[in-house]
């Protein structure tokens, strides 16, 4: 239980809260809304294709390199096979 008491909601305090709320309305333009919907994007693994395209346009997610992906994929498959062979 908190020992601090919350201030009583006086008309002045209520008016101040309403004035402050006018500043936290989020993006208003279509461009701002498009950009803000990418705020939670970390890596793009589960991102919708249109959001991933937008993220790449803004430099938030690097473009894919197919050759690099194939190299990493092949190394992972090889490592998994080696691990499975050692268990037998």
PDB file of N, CA and C in Angstrom:
ATOM      1  N   UNK A   1       0.834  -1.180   0.000  1.00  0.00           N
ATOM      2  CA  UNK A   1       0.000   0.000   0.000  1.00  0.00           C
ATOM      3  C   UNK A   1       0.880   1.243   0.000  1.00  0.00           C
ATOM      4  N   UNK A   2       0.569   2.158  -0.871  1.00  0.00           N
ATOM      5  CA  UNK A   2       1.360   3.374  -0.984  1.00  0.00           C
ATOM      6  C   UNK A   2       1.039   4.335   0.153  1.00  0.00           C
ATOM      7  N   UNK A   3       2.057   4.991   0.645  1.00  0.00           N
ATOM      8  CA  UNK A   3       1.860   5.982   1.707  1.00  0.00           C
ATOM      9  C   UNK A   3       1.533   7.353   1.140  1.00  0.00           C
ATOM     10  N   UNK A   4       1.795   7.530  -0.157  1.00  0.00           N
ATOM     11  CA  UNK A   4       1.474   8.809  -0.800  1.00  0.00           C
ATOM     12  C   UNK A   4      -0.004   8.864  -1.116  1.00  0.00           C
ATOM     13  N   UNK A   5      -0.577   9.989  -0.924  1.00  0.00           N
ATOM     14  CA  UNK A   5      -1.978  10.167  -1.302  1.00  0.00           C
ATOM     15  C   UNK A   5      -2.035  10.862  -2.648  1.00  0.00           C
ATOM     16  N   UNK A   6      -2.925  10.424  -3.502  1.00  0.00           N
ATOM     17  CA  UNK A   6      -3.064  11.101  -4.785  1.00  0.00           C
ATOM     18  C   UNK A   6      -3.756  12.440  -4.574  1.00  0.00           C
ATOM     19  N   UNK A   7      -3.391  13.406  -5.378  1.00  0.00           N
ATOM     20  CA  UNK A   7      -4.014  14.720  -5.228  1.00  0.00           C
ATOM     21  C   UNK A   7      -5.504  14.649  -5.590  1.00  0.00           C
ATOM     22  N   UNK A   8      -6.250  15.454  -4.922  1.00  0.00           N
ATOM     23  CA  UNK A   8      -7.684  15.517  -5.249  1.00  0.00           C
ATOM     24  C   UNK A   8      -7.839  16.104  -6.631  1.00  0.00           C
ATOM     25  N   UNK A   9      -8.833  15.620  -7.345  1.00  0.00           N
ATOM     26  CA  UNK A   9      -9.061  16.082  -8.719  1.00  0.00           C
ATOM     27  C   UNK A   9      -9.843  17.392  -8.677  1.00  0.00           C
ATOM     28  N   UNK A  10      -9.093  18.469  -8.617  1.00  0.00           N
ATOM     29  CA  UNK A  10      -9.717  19.796  -8.588  1.00  0.00           C
ATOM     30  C   UNK A  10     -10.036  20.219 -10.010  1.00  0.00           C
ATOM     31  N   UNK A  11     -10.895  21.206 -10.190  1.00  0.00           N
ATOM     32  CA  UNK A  11     -11.201  21.694 -11.550  1.00  0.00           C
ATOM     33  C   UNK A  11      -9.942  22.165 -12.290  1.00  0.00           C
ATOM     34  N   UNK A  12      -8.989  22.765 -11.558  1.00  0.00           N
ATOM     35  CA  UNK A  12      -7.756  23.242 -12.197  1.00  0.00           C
ATOM     36  C   UNK A  12      -6.919  22.050 -12.680  1.00  0.00           C
ATOM     37  N   UNK A  13      -6.832  21.027 -11.823  1.00  0.00           N
ATOM     38  CA  UNK A  13      -6.063  19.838 -12.194  1.00  0.00           C
ATOM     39  C   UNK A  13      -6.702  19.127 -13.387  1.00  0.00           C
ATOM     40  N   UNK A  14      -8.014  19.036 -13.384  1.00  0.00           N
ATOM     41  CA  UNK A  14      -8.724  18.414 -14.495  1.00  0.00           C
ATOM     42  C   UNK A  14      -8.491  19.191 -15.790  1.00  0.00           C
ATOM     43  N   UNK A  15      -8.528  20.512 -15.721  1.00  0.00           N
ATOM     44  CA  UNK A  15      -8.287  21.345 -16.902  1.00  0.00           C
ATOM     45  C   UNK A  15      -6.860  21.147 -17.411  1.00  0.00           C
ATOM     46  N   UNK A  16      -5.886  21.054 -16.491  1.00  0.00           N
ATOM     47  CA  UNK A  16      -4.490  20.843 -16.885  1.00  0.00           C
ATOM     48  C   UNK A  16      -4.329  19.486 -17.552  1.00  0.00           C
ATOM     49  N   UNK A  17      -4.986  18.457 -17.008  1.00  0.00           N
ATOM     50  CA  UNK A  17      -4.909  17.123 -17.616  1.00  0.00           C
ATOM     51  C   UNK A  17      -5.496  17.128 -19.022  1.00  0.00           C
ATOM     52  N   UNK A  18      -6.584  17.831 -19.208  1.00  0.00           N
ATOM     53  CA  UNK A  18      -7.211  17.897 -20.537  1.00  0.00           C
ATOM     54  C   UNK A  18      -6.321  18.635 -21.527  1.00  0.00           C
ATOM     55  N   UNK A  19      -5.662  19.709 -21.072  1.00  0.00           N
ATOM     56  CA  UNK A  19      -4.740  20.441 -21.959  1.00  0.00           C
ATOM     57  C   UNK A  19      -3.569  19.542 -22.356  1.00  0.00           C
ATOM     58  N   UNK A  20      -3.005  18.804 -21.394  1.00  0.00           N
ATOM     59  CA  UNK A  20      -1.886  17.908 -21.684  1.00  0.00           C
ATOM     60  C   UNK A  20      -2.292  16.779 -22.623  1.00  0.00           C
ATOM     61  N   UNK A  21      -3.514  16.293 -22.492  1.00  0.00           N
ATOM     62  CA  UNK A  21      -3.984  15.198 -23.337  1.00  0.00           C
ATOM     63  C   UNK A  21      -4.046  15.610 -24.810  1.00  0.00           C
ATOM     64  N   UNK A  22      -4.217  16.889 -25.066  1.00  0.00           N
ATOM     65  CA  UNK A  22      -4.268  17.361 -26.448  1.00  0.00           C
ATOM     66  C   UNK A  22      -2.922  17.217 -27.153  1.00  0.00           C
ATOM     67  N   UNK A  23      -1.848  17.077 -26.380  1.00  0.00           N
ATOM     68  CA  UNK A  23      -0.513  16.922 -26.962  1.00  0.00           C
ATOM     69  C   UNK A  23      -0.161  15.470 -27.247  1.00  0.00           C
ATOM     70  N   UNK A  24      -0.921  14.511 -26.729  1.00  0.00           N
ATOM     71  CA  UNK A  24      -0.593  13.099 -26.929  1.00  0.00           C
ATOM     72  C   UNK A  24      -1.621  12.414 -27.811  1.00  0.00           C
ATOM     73  N   UNK A  25      -1.738  12.880 -29.018  1.00  0.00           N
ATOM     74  CA  UNK A  25      -2.763  12.319 -29.903  1.00  0.00           C
ATOM     75  C   UNK A  25      -2.179  11.382 -30.945  1.00  0.00           C
ATOM     76  N   UNK A  26      -0.870  11.216 -30.976  1.00  0.00           N
ATOM     77  CA  UNK A  26      -0.261  10.323 -31.965  1.00  0.00           C
ATOM     78  C   UNK A  26      -0.103  11.007 -33.307  1.00  0.00           C
ATOM     79  N   UNK A  27       0.346  10.251 -34.312  1.00  0.00           N
ATOM     80  CA  UNK A  27       0.563  10.842 -35.634  1.00  0.00           C
ATOM     81  C   UNK A  27      -0.768  11.242 -36.280  1.00  0.00           C
ATOM     82  N   UNK A  28      -0.745  12.325 -37.012  1.00  0.00           N
ATOM     83  CA  UNK A  28      -1.985  12.815 -37.628  1.00  0.00           C
ATOM     84  C   UNK A  28      -1.990  12.648 -39.140  1.00  0.00           C
ATOM     85  N   UNK A  29      -0.823  12.669 -39.768  1.00  0.00           N
ATOM     86  CA  UNK A  29      -0.776  12.541 -41.226  1.00  0.00           C
ATOM     87  C   UNK A  29      -0.679  11.075 -41.616  1.00  0.00           C
ATOM     88  N   UNK A  30      -1.042  10.783 -42.852  1.00  0.00           N
ATOM     89  CA  UNK A  30      -0.962   9.401 -43.349  1.00  0.00           C
ATOM     90  C   UNK A  30       0.495   8.914 -43.330  1.00  0.00           C
ATOM     91  N   UNK A  31       1.421   9.791 -43.693  1.00  0.00           N
ATOM     92  CA  UNK A  31       2.846   9.408 -43.696  1.00  0.00           C
ATOM     93  C   UNK A  31       3.321   9.109 -42.276  1.00  0.00           C
ATOM     94  N   UNK A  32       2.897   9.929 -41.314  1.00  0.00           N
ATOM     95  CA  UNK A  32       3.283   9.700 -39.925  1.00  0.00           C
ATOM     96  C   UNK A  32       2.723   8.395 -39.390  1.00  0.00           C
ATOM     97  N   UNK A  33       1.505   8.057 -39.787  1.00  0.00           N
ATOM     98  CA  UNK A  33       0.889   6.804 -39.343  1.00  0.00           C
ATOM     99  C   UNK A  33       1.611   5.603 -39.946  1.00  0.00           C
ATOM    100  N   UNK A  34       2.027   5.727 -41.201  1.00  0.00           N
ATOM    101  CA  UNK A  34       2.764   4.635 -41.843  1.00  0.00           C
ATOM    102  C   UNK A  34       4.082   4.365 -41.129  1.00  0.00           C
ATOM    103  N   UNK A  35       4.773   5.437 -40.762  1.00  0.00           N
ATOM    104  CA  UNK A  35       6.066   5.283 -40.093  1.00  0.00           C
ATOM    105  C   UNK A  35       5.881   4.770 -38.665  1.00  0.00           C
ATOM    106  N   UNK A  36       4.868   5.286 -37.954  1.00  0.00           N
ATOM    107  CA  UNK A  36       4.704   4.887 -36.549  1.00  0.00           C
ATOM    108  C   UNK A  36       4.262   3.441 -36.403  1.00  0.00           C
ATOM    109  N   UNK A  37       3.658   2.862 -37.433  1.00  0.00           N
ATOM    110  CA  UNK A  37       3.251   1.458 -37.283  1.00  0.00           C
ATOM    111  C   UNK A  37       4.455   0.517 -37.333  1.00  0.00           C
ATOM    112  N   UNK A  38       5.629   1.053 -37.641  1.00  0.00           N
ATOM    113  CA  UNK A  38       6.856   0.252 -37.658  1.00  0.00           C
ATOM    114  C   UNK A  38       7.629   0.376 -36.344  1.00  0.00           C
ATOM    115  N   UNK A  39       7.084   1.090 -35.358  1.00  0.00           N
ATOM    116  CA  UNK A  39       7.810   1.328 -34.101  1.00  0.00           C
ATOM    117  C   UNK A  39       8.245   0.045 -33.403  1.00  0.00           C
ATOM    118  N   UNK A  40       7.436  -0.989 -33.454  1.00  0.00           N
ATOM    119  CA  UNK A  40       7.771  -2.211 -32.733  1.00  0.00           C
ATOM    120  C   UNK A  40       8.566  -3.212 -33.549  1.00  0.00           C
ATOM    121  N   UNK A  41       8.913  -2.864 -34.784  1.00  0.00           N
ATOM    122  CA  UNK A  41       9.619  -3.797 -35.665  1.00  0.00           C
ATOM    123  C   UNK A  41      11.057  -3.986 -35.194  1.00  0.00           C
ATOM    124  N   UNK A  42      11.432  -5.230 -34.946  1.00  0.00           N
ATOM    125  CA  UNK A  42      12.789  -5.524 -34.489  1.00  0.00           C
ATOM    126  C   UNK A  42      13.626  -6.160 -35.594  1.00  0.00           C
ATOM    127  N   UNK A  43      13.093  -7.187 -36.229  1.00  0.00           N
ATOM    128  CA  UNK A  43      13.886  -7.912 -37.207  1.00  0.00           C
ATOM    129  C   UNK A  43      13.124  -8.198 -38.492  1.00  0.00           C
ATOM    130  N   UNK A  44      11.810  -8.161 -38.497  1.00  0.00           N
ATOM    131  CA  UNK A  44      11.039  -8.369 -39.707  1.00  0.00           C
ATOM    132  C   UNK A  44      10.674  -9.808 -39.993  1.00  0.00           C
ATOM    133  N   UNK A  45      11.020 -10.729 -39.104  1.00  0.00           N
ATOM    134  CA  UNK A  45      10.752 -12.150 -39.352  1.00  0.00           C
ATOM    135  C   UNK A  45       9.267 -12.420 -39.548  1.00  0.00           C
ATOM    136  N   UNK A  46       8.411 -11.806 -38.727  1.00  0.00           N
ATOM    137  CA  UNK A  46       6.977 -12.043 -38.809  1.00  0.00           C
ATOM    138  C   UNK A  46       6.214 -10.826 -39.329  1.00  0.00           C
ATOM    139  N   UNK A  47       6.913  -9.896 -39.941  1.00  0.00           N
ATOM    140  CA  UNK A  47       6.279  -8.671 -40.411  1.00  0.00           C
ATOM    141  C   UNK A  47       5.456  -8.935 -41.671  1.00  0.00           C
ATOM    142  N   UNK A  48       4.393  -8.169 -41.810  1.00  0.00           N
ATOM    143  CA  UNK A  48       3.604  -8.237 -43.037  1.00  0.00           C
ATOM    144  C   UNK A  48       4.457  -7.691 -44.172  1.00  0.00           C
ATOM    145  N   UNK A  49       4.288  -8.232 -45.384  1.00  0.00           N
ATOM    146  CA  UNK A  49       5.137  -7.796 -46.504  1.00  0.00           C
ATOM    147  C   UNK A  49       5.135  -6.290 -46.742  1.00  0.00           C
ATOM    148  N   UNK A  50       3.953  -5.640 -46.643  1.00  0.00           N
ATOM    149  CA  UNK A  50       3.924  -4.197 -46.896  1.00  0.00           C
ATOM    150  C   UNK A  50       4.661  -3.425 -45.805  1.00  0.00           C
ATOM    151  N   UNK A  51       4.621  -3.919 -44.552  1.00  0.00           N
ATOM    152  CA  UNK A  51       5.357  -3.250 -43.476  1.00  0.00           C
ATOM    153  C   UNK A  51       6.859  -3.452 -43.633  1.00  0.00           C
ATOM    154  N   UNK A  52       7.259  -4.619 -44.085  1.00  0.00           N
ATOM    155  CA  UNK A  52       8.678  -4.894 -44.295  1.00  0.00           C
ATOM    156  C   UNK A  52       9.223  -4.016 -45.421  1.00  0.00           C
ATOM    157  N   UNK A  53       8.419  -3.833 -46.470  1.00  0.00           N
ATOM    158  CA  UNK A  53       8.825  -2.963 -47.580  1.00  0.00           C
ATOM    159  C   UNK A  53       9.012  -1.528 -47.081  1.00  0.00           C
ATOM    160  N   UNK A  54       8.080  -1.049 -46.266  1.00  0.00           N
ATOM    161  CA  UNK A  54       8.203   0.304 -45.705  1.00  0.00           C
ATOM    162  C   UNK A  54       9.441   0.432 -44.829  1.00  0.00           C
ATOM    163  N   UNK A  55       9.702  -0.585 -44.032  1.00  0.00           N
ATOM    164  CA  UNK A  55      10.866  -0.552 -43.148  1.00  0.00           C
ATOM    165  C   UNK A  55      12.150  -0.482 -43.960  1.00  0.00           C
ATOM    166  N   UNK A  56      12.196  -1.208 -45.052  1.00  0.00           N
ATOM    167  CA  UNK A  56      13.398  -1.163 -45.902  1.00  0.00           C
ATOM    168  C   UNK A  56      13.553   0.209 -46.541  1.00  0.00           C
ATOM    169  N   UNK A  57      12.438   0.828 -46.938  1.00  0.00           N
ATOM    170  CA  UNK A  57      12.494   2.167 -47.528  1.00  0.00           C
ATOM    171  C   UNK A  57      13.081   3.178 -46.542  1.00  0.00           C
ATOM    172  N   UNK A  58      12.786   3.004 -45.270  1.00  0.00           N
ATOM    173  CA  UNK A  58      13.269   3.934 -44.247  1.00  0.00           C
ATOM    174  C   UNK A  58      14.596   3.491 -43.642  1.00  0.00           C
ATOM    175  N   UNK A  59      15.191   2.410 -44.176  1.00  0.00           N
ATOM    176  CA  UNK A  59      16.490   1.954 -43.711  1.00  0.00           C
ATOM    177  C   UNK A  59      16.457   1.280 -42.355  1.00  0.00           C
ATOM    178  N   UNK A  60      15.279   0.807 -41.937  1.00  0.00           N
ATOM    179  CA  UNK A  60      15.159   0.181 -40.620  1.00  0.00           C
ATOM    180  C   UNK A  60      15.542  -1.296 -40.652  1.00  0.00           C
ATOM    181  N   UNK A  61      15.343  -1.954 -41.773  1.00  0.00           N
ATOM    182  CA  UNK A  61      15.684  -3.363 -41.930  1.00  0.00           C
ATOM    183  C   UNK A  61      16.548  -3.463 -43.179  1.00  0.00           C
ATOM    184  N   UNK A  62      17.703  -4.071 -43.085  1.00  0.00           N
ATOM    185  CA  UNK A  62      18.558  -4.160 -44.269  1.00  0.00           C
ATOM    186  C   UNK A  62      17.932  -5.048 -45.346  1.00  0.00           C
ATOM    187  N   UNK A  63      18.252  -4.750 -46.585  1.00  0.00           N
ATOM    188  CA  UNK A  63      17.766  -5.562 -47.697  1.00  0.00           C
ATOM    189  C   UNK A  63      18.382  -6.953 -47.612  1.00  0.00           C
ATOM    190  N   UNK A  64      17.635  -7.941 -48.057  1.00  0.00           N
ATOM    191  CA  UNK A  64      18.132  -9.306 -47.989  1.00  0.00           C
ATOM    192  C   UNK A  64      19.182  -9.561 -49.061  1.00  0.00           C
ATOM    193  N   UNK A  65      20.119 -10.407 -48.742  1.00  0.00           N
ATOM    194  CA  UNK A  65      21.141 -10.832 -49.693  1.00  0.00           C
ATOM    195  C   UNK A  65      20.935 -12.337 -49.900  1.00  0.00           C
ATOM    196  N   UNK A  66      20.345 -12.754 -51.017  1.00  0.00           N
ATOM    197  CA  UNK A  66      20.019 -14.168 -51.226  1.00  0.00           C
ATOM    198  C   UNK A  66      21.223 -15.096 -51.096  1.00  0.00           C
ATOM    199  N   UNK A  67      22.387 -14.672 -51.586  1.00  0.00           N
ATOM    200  CA  UNK A  67      23.576 -15.534 -51.516  1.00  0.00           C
ATOM    201  C   UNK A  67      23.986 -15.756 -50.070  1.00  0.00           C
ATOM    202  N   UNK A  68      23.939 -14.695 -49.275  1.00  0.00           N
ATOM    203  CA  UNK A  68      24.295 -14.796 -47.862  1.00  0.00           C
ATOM    204  C   UNK A  68      23.313 -15.711 -47.126  1.00  0.00           C
ATOM    205  N   UNK A  69      22.018 -15.576 -47.454  1.00  0.00           N
ATOM    206  CA  UNK A  69      21.011 -16.427 -46.821  1.00  0.00           C
ATOM    207  C   UNK A  69      21.274 -17.901 -47.129  1.00  0.00           C
ATOM    208  N   UNK A  70      21.557 -18.207 -48.390  1.00  0.00           N
ATOM    209  CA  UNK A  70      21.819 -19.602 -48.777  1.00  0.00           C
ATOM    210  C   UNK A  70      23.056 -20.156 -48.069  1.00  0.00           C
ATOM    211  N   UNK A  71      24.075 -19.322 -47.911  1.00  0.00           N
ATOM    212  CA  UNK A  71      25.296 -19.749 -47.235  1.00  0.00           C
ATOM    213  C   UNK A  71      25.012 -20.067 -45.763  1.00  0.00           C
ATOM    214  N   UNK A  72      24.287 -19.196 -45.097  1.00  0.00           N
ATOM    215  CA  UNK A  72      23.957 -19.403 -43.689  1.00  0.00           C
ATOM    216  C   UNK A  72      23.033 -20.608 -43.538  1.00  0.00           C
ATOM    217  N   UNK A  73      22.067 -20.733 -44.439  1.00  0.00           N
ATOM    218  CA  UNK A  73      21.144 -21.867 -44.394  1.00  0.00           C
ATOM    219  C   UNK A  73      21.906 -23.189 -44.545  1.00  0.00           C
ATOM    220  N   UNK A  74      22.811 -23.246 -45.500  1.00  0.00           N
ATOM    221  CA  UNK A  74      23.584 -24.467 -45.738  1.00  0.00           C
ATOM    222  C   UNK A  74      24.463 -24.804 -44.532  1.00  0.00           C
ATOM    223  N   UNK A  75      25.054 -23.782 -43.924  1.00  0.00           N
ATOM    224  CA  UNK A  75      25.881 -24.013 -42.738  1.00  0.00           C
ATOM    225  C   UNK A  75      25.029 -24.555 -41.589  1.00  0.00           C
ATOM    226  N   UNK A  76      23.809 -24.046 -41.439  1.00  0.00           N
ATOM    227  CA  UNK A  76      22.911 -24.524 -40.384  1.00  0.00           C
ATOM    228  C   UNK A  76      22.501 -25.972 -40.621  1.00  0.00           C
ATOM    229  N   UNK A  77      22.193 -26.304 -41.863  1.00  0.00           N
ATOM    230  CA  UNK A  77      21.796 -27.673 -42.200  1.00  0.00           C
ATOM    231  C   UNK A  77      22.957 -28.626 -41.943  1.00  0.00           C
ATOM    232  N   UNK A  78      24.152 -28.225 -42.336  1.00  0.00           N
ATOM    233  CA  UNK A  78      25.335 -29.055 -42.127  1.00  0.00           C
ATOM    234  C   UNK A  78      25.580 -29.270 -40.631  1.00  0.00           C
ATOM    235  N   UNK A  79      25.462 -28.206 -39.835  1.00  0.00           N
ATOM    236  CA  UNK A  79      25.666 -28.302 -38.394  1.00  0.00           C
ATOM    237  C   UNK A  79      24.621 -29.218 -37.765  1.00  0.00           C
ATOM    238  N   UNK A  80      23.388 -29.130 -38.227  1.00  0.00           N
ATOM    239  CA  UNK A  80      22.320 -29.987 -37.681  1.00  0.00           C
ATOM    240  C   UNK A  80      22.589 -31.452 -38.011  1.00  0.00           C
ATOM    241  N   UNK A  81      23.072 -31.711 -39.224  1.00  0.00           N
ATOM    242  CA  UNK A  81      23.378 -33.090 -39.610  1.00  0.00           C
ATOM    243  C   UNK A  81      24.525 -33.648 -38.760  1.00  0.00           C
ATOM    244  N   UNK A  82      25.547 -32.839 -38.536  1.00  0.00           N
ATOM    245  CA  UNK A  82      26.671 -33.274 -37.710  1.00  0.00           C
ATOM    246  C   UNK A  82      26.214 -33.576 -36.294  1.00  0.00           C
ATOM    247  N   UNK A  83      25.322 -32.765 -35.772  1.00  0.00           N
ATOM    248  CA  UNK A  83      24.813 -32.983 -34.418  1.00  0.00           C
ATOM    249  C   UNK A  83      23.985 -34.272 -34.363  1.00  0.00           C
ATOM    250  N   UNK A  84      23.157 -34.510 -35.379  1.00  0.00           N
ATOM    251  CA  UNK A  84      22.349 -35.727 -35.415  1.00  0.00           C
ATOM    252  C   UNK A  84      23.255 -36.967 -35.543  1.00  0.00           C
ATOM    253  N   UNK A  85      24.312 -36.887 -36.356  1.00  0.00           N
ATOM    254  CA  UNK A  85      25.209 -38.031 -36.552  1.00  0.00           C
ATOM    255  C   UNK A  85      25.950 -38.375 -35.261  1.00  0.00           C
ATOM    256  N   UNK A  86      26.268 -37.355 -34.452  1.00  0.00           N
ATOM    257  CA  UNK A  86      27.017 -37.626 -33.228  1.00  0.00           C
ATOM    258  C   UNK A  86      26.153 -38.287 -32.157  1.00  0.00           C
ATOM    259  N   UNK A  87      24.831 -38.132 -32.250  1.00  0.00           N
ATOM    260  CA  UNK A  87      23.920 -38.750 -31.277  1.00  0.00           C
ATOM    261  C   UNK A  87      23.698 -40.223 -31.556  1.00  0.00           C
ATOM    262  N   UNK A  88      23.934 -40.664 -32.792  1.00  0.00           N
ATOM    263  CA  UNK A  88      23.686 -42.056 -33.147  1.00  0.00           C
ATOM    264  C   UNK A  88      24.740 -42.993 -32.638  1.00  0.00           C
TER     265      UNK A  88
END
